[in-house]
Amino acid sequence: MEIKTKKTLLKFYSACSEDIRDYFEHLPSLIEKYPLEVALAYAFSRLERGQNMALYGCVVKIHKVDVSLAKTALRNQHMNRDGFIKRYKELFGFEIPREAQGSLKKAESTRDAIMHGKKPIQADMRNAIGQVLAYAEAMNAQISAKENFKPFGNMTGFKGRGQALDKRTSRWVLKGMQLGLG
């Protein structure tokens, strides 16, 4: 992916699904009004929230854990990048699409360079923001196809009418998942 201008980046954003546009709703104004570092920080903040929502959705919808306990358990987790990938596979039973992982790795290296005080390169930042959007699209597509919810979107009603486990059983399930309550 090569995004040569801010205008092209905005077109790329506009071509994203409605779920992604709504989820990253402030991105266009940040791109237009502020240095790209601000838009990149926002994109990664939303990315990490979406990843957390993917795990939360999995624990609540698929494994039927009590909602309040699931929130507490996931809030108490400290996860690095590799930890997220491993945990995702453990909980969902399938891997993040390889292409999405590769795309995100490039974006993460740009983000890391900037966060560690390196001089930002405009082209790298534009491409990194586009890669975050592409990753979110790929995650939504995969999880929606397999589990019928989109972590990068409005998750209202994602769980359906299924009955959650009681809190005692939920605690044991979370313990088995190594998602202790702290």
C-alpha atoms as a PDB file:
ATOM      1  CA  MET A   1       0.000   0.000   0.000  1.00  0.00           C
ATOM      2  CA  GLU A   2       1.395   3.366  -0.989  1.00  0.00           C
ATOM      3  CA  ILE A   3      -0.504   6.465   0.151  1.00  0.00           C
ATOM      4  CA  LYS A   4       1.212   9.457  -1.406  1.00  0.00           C
ATOM      5  CA  THR A   5      -0.781  12.405  -0.017  1.00  0.00           C
ATOM      6  CA  LYS A   6      -3.154  13.351   2.784  1.00  0.00           C
ATOM      7  CA  LYS A   7      -5.882  13.642   0.158  1.00  0.00           C
ATOM      8  CA  THR A   8      -5.243  10.040  -0.923  1.00  0.00           C
ATOM      9  CA  LEU A   9      -5.335   8.960   2.727  1.00  0.00           C
ATOM     10  CA  LEU A  10      -8.707  10.651   3.153  1.00  0.00           C
ATOM     11  CA  LYS A  11      -9.970   8.873   0.015  1.00  0.00           C
ATOM     12  CA  PHE A  12      -8.712   5.580   1.437  1.00  0.00           C
ATOM     13  CA  TYR A  13     -10.618   6.293   4.658  1.00  0.00           C
ATOM     14  CA  SER A  14     -13.756   7.178   2.661  1.00  0.00           C
ATOM     15  CA  ALA A  15     -13.533   3.852   0.824  1.00  0.00           C
ATOM     16  CA  CYS A  16     -13.558   1.922   4.110  1.00  0.00           C
ATOM     17  CA  SER A  17     -16.722   0.239   5.343  1.00  0.00           C
ATOM     18  CA  GLU A  18     -19.225   2.297   7.281  1.00  0.00           C
ATOM     19  CA  ASP A  19     -18.297   0.422  10.466  1.00  0.00           C
ATOM     20  CA  ILE A  20     -14.652   1.442  10.119  1.00  0.00           C
ATOM     21  CA  ARG A  21     -15.491   5.039   9.204  1.00  0.00           C
ATOM     22  CA  ASP A  22     -17.765   5.296  12.249  1.00  0.00           C
ATOM     23  CA  TYR A  23     -15.221   3.629  14.517  1.00  0.00           C
ATOM     24  CA  PHE A  24     -12.397   5.969  13.420  1.00  0.00           C
ATOM     25  CA  GLU A  25     -14.799   8.910  13.111  1.00  0.00           C
ATOM     26  CA  HIS A  26     -12.359  11.661  14.160  1.00  0.00           C
ATOM     27  CA  LEU A  27      -9.601  10.586  11.797  1.00  0.00           C
ATOM     28  CA  PRO A  28     -10.495  12.888   8.852  1.00  0.00           C
ATOM     29  CA  SER A  29     -10.558  16.045  10.971  1.00  0.00           C
ATOM     30  CA  LEU A  30      -7.308  15.038  12.706  1.00  0.00           C
ATOM     31  CA  ILE A  31      -5.619  14.457   9.333  1.00  0.00           C
ATOM     32  CA  GLU A  32      -6.804  17.820   8.026  1.00  0.00           C
ATOM     33  CA  LYS A  33      -6.202  19.989  11.100  1.00  0.00           C
ATOM     34  CA  TYR A  34      -3.199  18.538  12.927  1.00  0.00           C
ATOM     35  CA  PRO A  35       0.216  17.024  12.253  1.00  0.00           C
ATOM     36  CA  LEU A  36      -0.005  13.386  11.167  1.00  0.00           C
ATOM     37  CA  GLU A  37       1.542  12.287  14.457  1.00  0.00           C
ATOM     38  CA  VAL A  38      -1.771  13.181  16.140  1.00  0.00           C
ATOM     39  CA  ALA A  39      -3.812  11.173  13.642  1.00  0.00           C
ATOM     40  CA  LEU A  40      -1.418   8.243  13.973  1.00  0.00           C
ATOM     41  CA  ALA A  41      -1.672   8.273  17.777  1.00  0.00           C
ATOM     42  CA  TYR A  42      -5.481   8.350  17.514  1.00  0.00           C
ATOM     43  CA  ALA A  43      -5.489   5.496  14.983  1.00  0.00           C
ATOM     44  CA  PHE A  44      -3.370   3.321  17.282  1.00  0.00           C
ATOM     45  CA  SER A  45      -5.438   4.209  20.335  1.00  0.00           C
ATOM     46  CA  ARG A  46      -8.595   3.085  18.523  1.00  0.00           C
ATOM     47  CA  LEU A  47      -6.786   0.029  17.153  1.00  0.00           C
ATOM     48  CA  GLU A  48      -5.857  -1.168  20.618  1.00  0.00           C
ATOM     49  CA  ARG A  49      -9.385  -0.558  21.869  1.00  0.00           C
ATOM     50  CA  GLY A  50     -10.741  -2.623  18.978  1.00  0.00           C
ATOM     51  CA  GLN A  51      -8.341  -5.449  19.774  1.00  0.00           C
ATOM     52  CA  ASN A  52      -9.534  -5.406  23.373  1.00  0.00           C
ATOM     53  CA  MET A  53     -13.140  -5.439  22.144  1.00  0.00           C
ATOM     54  CA  ALA A  54     -12.339  -8.488  20.001  1.00  0.00           C
ATOM     55  CA  LEU A  55     -11.149 -10.400  23.067  1.00  0.00           C
ATOM     56  CA  TYR A  56     -14.050  -9.118  25.160  1.00  0.00           C
ATOM     57  CA  GLY A  57     -16.551 -10.124  22.483  1.00  0.00           C
ATOM     58  CA  CYS A  58     -14.998 -13.563  22.260  1.00  0.00           C
ATOM     59  CA  VAL A  59     -15.050 -14.155  26.014  1.00  0.00           C
ATOM     60  CA  VAL A  60     -18.641 -12.919  26.397  1.00  0.00           C
ATOM     61  CA  LYS A  61     -20.285 -14.225  23.225  1.00  0.00           C
ATOM     62  CA  ILE A  62     -18.434 -17.437  22.495  1.00  0.00           C
ATOM     63  CA  HIS A  63     -17.398 -18.530  25.976  1.00  0.00           C
ATOM     64  CA  LYS A  64     -20.515 -17.066  27.666  1.00  0.00           C
ATOM     65  CA  VAL A  65     -18.640 -15.430  30.547  1.00  0.00           C
ATOM     66  CA  ASP A  66     -20.526 -12.947  32.730  1.00  0.00           C
ATOM     67  CA  VAL A  67     -20.204  -9.441  31.219  1.00  0.00           C
ATOM     68  CA  SER A  68     -19.009  -7.622  34.343  1.00  0.00           C
ATOM     69  CA  LEU A  69     -16.409 -10.278  35.146  1.00  0.00           C
ATOM     70  CA  ALA A  70     -15.182 -10.306  31.546  1.00  0.00           C
ATOM     71  CA  LYS A  71     -14.725  -6.513  31.626  1.00  0.00           C
ATOM     72  CA  THR A  72     -12.790  -6.684  34.884  1.00  0.00           C
ATOM     73  CA  ALA A  73     -10.591  -9.578  33.756  1.00  0.00           C
ATOM     74  CA  LEU A  74      -9.658  -7.944  30.459  1.00  0.00           C
ATOM     75  CA  ARG A  75      -9.094  -4.540  32.066  1.00  0.00           C
ATOM     76  CA  ASN A  76      -6.577  -6.193  34.406  1.00  0.00           C
ATOM     77  CA  GLN A  77      -4.620  -7.804  31.570  1.00  0.00           C
ATOM     78  CA  HIS A  78      -1.338  -6.364  30.418  1.00  0.00           C
ATOM     79  CA  MET A  79      -0.754  -7.546  26.894  1.00  0.00           C
ATOM     80  CA  ASN A  80       2.035  -6.791  24.469  1.00  0.00           C
ATOM     81  CA  ARG A  81       1.718  -7.261  20.711  1.00  0.00           C
ATOM     82  CA  ASP A  82       2.838 -10.874  20.630  1.00  0.00           C
ATOM     83  CA  GLY A  83       0.701 -11.589  23.676  1.00  0.00           C
ATOM     84  CA  PHE A  84      -2.378 -10.304  21.881  1.00  0.00           C
ATOM     85  CA  ILE A  85      -1.714 -12.503  18.842  1.00  0.00           C
ATOM     86  CA  LYS A  86      -1.244 -15.558  21.060  1.00  0.00           C
ATOM     87  CA  ARG A  87      -4.307 -14.782  23.197  1.00  0.00           C
ATOM     88  CA  TYR A  88      -6.444 -14.150  20.099  1.00  0.00           C
ATOM     89  CA  LYS A  89      -5.607 -17.605  18.722  1.00  0.00           C
ATOM     90  CA  GLU A  90      -6.199 -19.266  22.092  1.00  0.00           C
ATOM     91  CA  LEU A  91      -9.596 -17.666  22.638  1.00  0.00           C
ATOM     92  CA  PHE A  92     -10.980 -17.683  19.090  1.00  0.00           C
ATOM     93  CA  GLY A  93      -9.357 -20.902  17.903  1.00  0.00           C
ATOM     94  CA  PHE A  94      -8.063 -19.305  14.687  1.00  0.00           C
ATOM     95  CA  GLU A  95      -5.293 -16.874  13.789  1.00  0.00           C
ATOM     96  CA  ILE A  96      -5.421 -13.257  12.713  1.00  0.00           C
ATOM     97  CA  PRO A  97      -5.106 -13.198   8.897  1.00  0.00           C
ATOM     98  CA  ARG A  98      -1.393 -13.264   7.985  1.00  0.00           C
ATOM     99  CA  GLU A  99      -1.727 -10.367   5.552  1.00  0.00           C
ATOM    100  CA  ALA A 100      -3.319  -8.218   8.257  1.00  0.00           C
ATOM    101  CA  GLN A 101      -0.531  -9.104  10.696  1.00  0.00           C
ATOM    102  CA  GLY A 102       2.148  -8.151   8.154  1.00  0.00           C
ATOM    103  CA  SER A 103       0.452  -4.876   7.357  1.00  0.00           C
ATOM    104  CA  LEU A 104       0.166  -4.014  11.028  1.00  0.00           C
ATOM    105  CA  LYS A 105       3.832  -4.829  11.722  1.00  0.00           C
ATOM    106  CA  LYS A 106       4.886  -2.125   9.240  1.00  0.00           C
ATOM    107  CA  ALA A 107       2.551   0.392  10.877  1.00  0.00           C
ATOM    108  CA  GLU A 108       3.822  -0.533  14.343  1.00  0.00           C
ATOM    109  CA  SER A 109       7.431   0.078  13.373  1.00  0.00           C
ATOM    110  CA  THR A 110       6.485   3.586  12.171  1.00  0.00           C
ATOM    111  CA  ARG A 111       4.546   4.237  15.369  1.00  0.00           C
ATOM    112  CA  ASP A 112       7.421   2.963  17.511  1.00  0.00           C
ATOM    113  CA  ALA A 113       9.967   5.139  15.743  1.00  0.00           C
ATOM    114  CA  ILE A 114       7.857   8.245  16.341  1.00  0.00           C
ATOM    115  CA  MET A 115       7.071   7.351  19.945  1.00  0.00           C
ATOM    116  CA  HIS A 116      10.799   6.896  20.596  1.00  0.00           C
ATOM    117  CA  GLY A 117      11.646  10.364  19.362  1.00  0.00           C
ATOM    118  CA  LYS A 118      12.716   9.635  15.797  1.00  0.00           C
ATOM    119  CA  LYS A 119      11.970  12.244  13.164  1.00  0.00           C
ATOM    120  CA  PRO A 120       8.624  11.390  11.577  1.00  0.00           C
ATOM    121  CA  ILE A 121       8.512  10.675   7.860  1.00  0.00           C
ATOM    122  CA  GLN A 122       5.233  11.887   6.384  1.00  0.00           C
ATOM    123  CA  ALA A 123       4.939   9.052   3.851  1.00  0.00           C
ATOM    124  CA  ASP A 124       5.508   6.439   6.556  1.00  0.00           C
ATOM    125  CA  MET A 125       2.836   7.988   8.763  1.00  0.00           C
ATOM    126  CA  ARG A 126       0.271   8.167   5.950  1.00  0.00           C
ATOM    127  CA  ASN A 127       0.935   4.533   5.084  1.00  0.00           C
ATOM    128  CA  ALA A 128       0.820   3.466   8.738  1.00  0.00           C
ATOM    129  CA  ILE A 129      -2.610   5.060   9.205  1.00  0.00           C
ATOM    130  CA  GLY A 130      -3.817   3.300   6.058  1.00  0.00           C
ATOM    131  CA  GLN A 131      -2.385   0.003   7.334  1.00  0.00           C
ATOM    132  CA  VAL A 132      -4.245   0.397  10.633  1.00  0.00           C
ATOM    133  CA  LEU A 133      -7.493   0.928   8.712  1.00  0.00           C
ATOM    134  CA  ALA A 134      -6.798  -2.097   6.497  1.00  0.00           C
ATOM    135  CA  TYR A 135      -6.034  -4.220   9.573  1.00  0.00           C
ATOM    136  CA  ALA A 136      -9.293  -3.165  11.245  1.00  0.00           C
ATOM    137  CA  GLU A 137     -11.216  -4.056   8.065  1.00  0.00           C
ATOM    138  CA  ALA A 138      -9.568  -7.486   7.922  1.00  0.00           C
ATOM    139  CA  MET A 139     -10.292  -8.165  11.598  1.00  0.00           C
ATOM    140  CA  ASN A 140     -13.933  -7.136  11.227  1.00  0.00           C
ATOM    141  CA  ALA A 141     -14.311  -9.307   8.132  1.00  0.00           C
ATOM    142  CA  GLN A 142     -12.791 -12.375   9.771  1.00  0.00           C
ATOM    143  CA  ILE A 143     -14.590 -12.127  13.107  1.00  0.00           C
ATOM    144  CA  SER A 144     -17.893 -11.196  11.487  1.00  0.00           C
ATOM    145  CA  ALA A 145     -17.713 -14.180   9.119  1.00  0.00           C
ATOM    146  CA  LYS A 146     -16.793 -16.650  11.873  1.00  0.00           C
ATOM    147  CA  GLU A 147     -18.451 -15.260  15.005  1.00  0.00           C
ATOM    148  CA  ASN A 148     -20.966 -12.657  13.784  1.00  0.00           C
ATOM    149  CA  PHE A 149     -19.717  -9.508  15.503  1.00  0.00           C
ATOM    150  CA  LYS A 150     -17.396  -6.643  14.567  1.00  0.00           C
ATOM    151  CA  PRO A 151     -14.974  -5.410  17.232  1.00  0.00           C
ATOM    152  CA  PHE A 152     -14.198  -2.283  15.190  1.00  0.00           C
ATOM    153  CA  GLY A 153     -17.756  -1.034  15.181  1.00  0.00           C
ATOM    154  CA  ASN A 154     -20.874  -0.696  17.247  1.00  0.00           C
ATOM    155  CA  MET A 155     -21.133  -3.858  19.317  1.00  0.00           C
ATOM    156  CA  THR A 156     -24.620  -3.134  20.622  1.00  0.00           C
ATOM    157  CA  GLY A 157     -26.477  -6.421  20.803  1.00  0.00           C
ATOM    158  CA  PHE A 158     -23.437  -8.446  19.684  1.00  0.00           C
ATOM    159  CA  LYS A 159     -24.018 -11.141  22.300  1.00  0.00           C
ATOM    160  CA  GLY A 160     -27.560 -12.010  21.296  1.00  0.00           C
ATOM    161  CA  ARG A 161     -30.002 -13.618  23.663  1.00  0.00           C
ATOM    162  CA  GLY A 162     -27.682 -16.363  24.840  1.00  0.00           C
ATOM    163  CA  GLN A 163     -27.597 -16.926  28.590  1.00  0.00           C
ATOM    164  CA  ALA A 164     -24.296 -16.115  30.295  1.00  0.00           C
ATOM    165  CA  LEU A 165     -22.732 -18.461  32.797  1.00  0.00           C
ATOM    166  CA  ASP A 166     -23.301 -17.561  36.422  1.00  0.00           C
ATOM    167  CA  LYS A 167     -20.528 -15.596  38.135  1.00  0.00           C
ATOM    168  CA  ARG A 168     -19.055 -18.584  39.961  1.00  0.00           C
ATOM    169  CA  THR A 169     -18.706 -20.589  36.763  1.00  0.00           C
ATOM    170  CA  SER A 170     -17.498 -17.509  34.867  1.00  0.00           C
ATOM    171  CA  ARG A 171     -14.682 -17.100  37.395  1.00  0.00           C
ATOM    172  CA  TRP A 172     -13.532 -20.679  36.718  1.00  0.00           C
ATOM    173  CA  VAL A 173     -13.718 -20.200  32.955  1.00  0.00           C
ATOM    174  CA  LEU A 174     -11.656 -17.007  33.216  1.00  0.00           C
ATOM    175  CA  LYS A 175      -9.165 -18.770  35.463  1.00  0.00           C
ATOM    176  CA  GLY A 176      -8.851 -21.551  32.886  1.00  0.00           C
ATOM    177  CA  MET A 177      -8.236 -18.924  30.201  1.00  0.00           C
ATOM    178  CA  GLN A 178      -5.570 -17.413  32.445  1.00  0.00           C
ATOM    179  CA  LEU A 179      -7.597 -14.211  32.609  1.00  0.00           C
ATOM    180  CA  GLY A 180      -7.668 -13.961  36.383  1.00  0.00           C
ATOM    181  CA  LEU A 181      -9.589 -11.214  38.106  1.00  0.00           C
ATOM    182  CA  GLY A 182      -6.520  -9.780  39.795  1.00  0.00           C
END
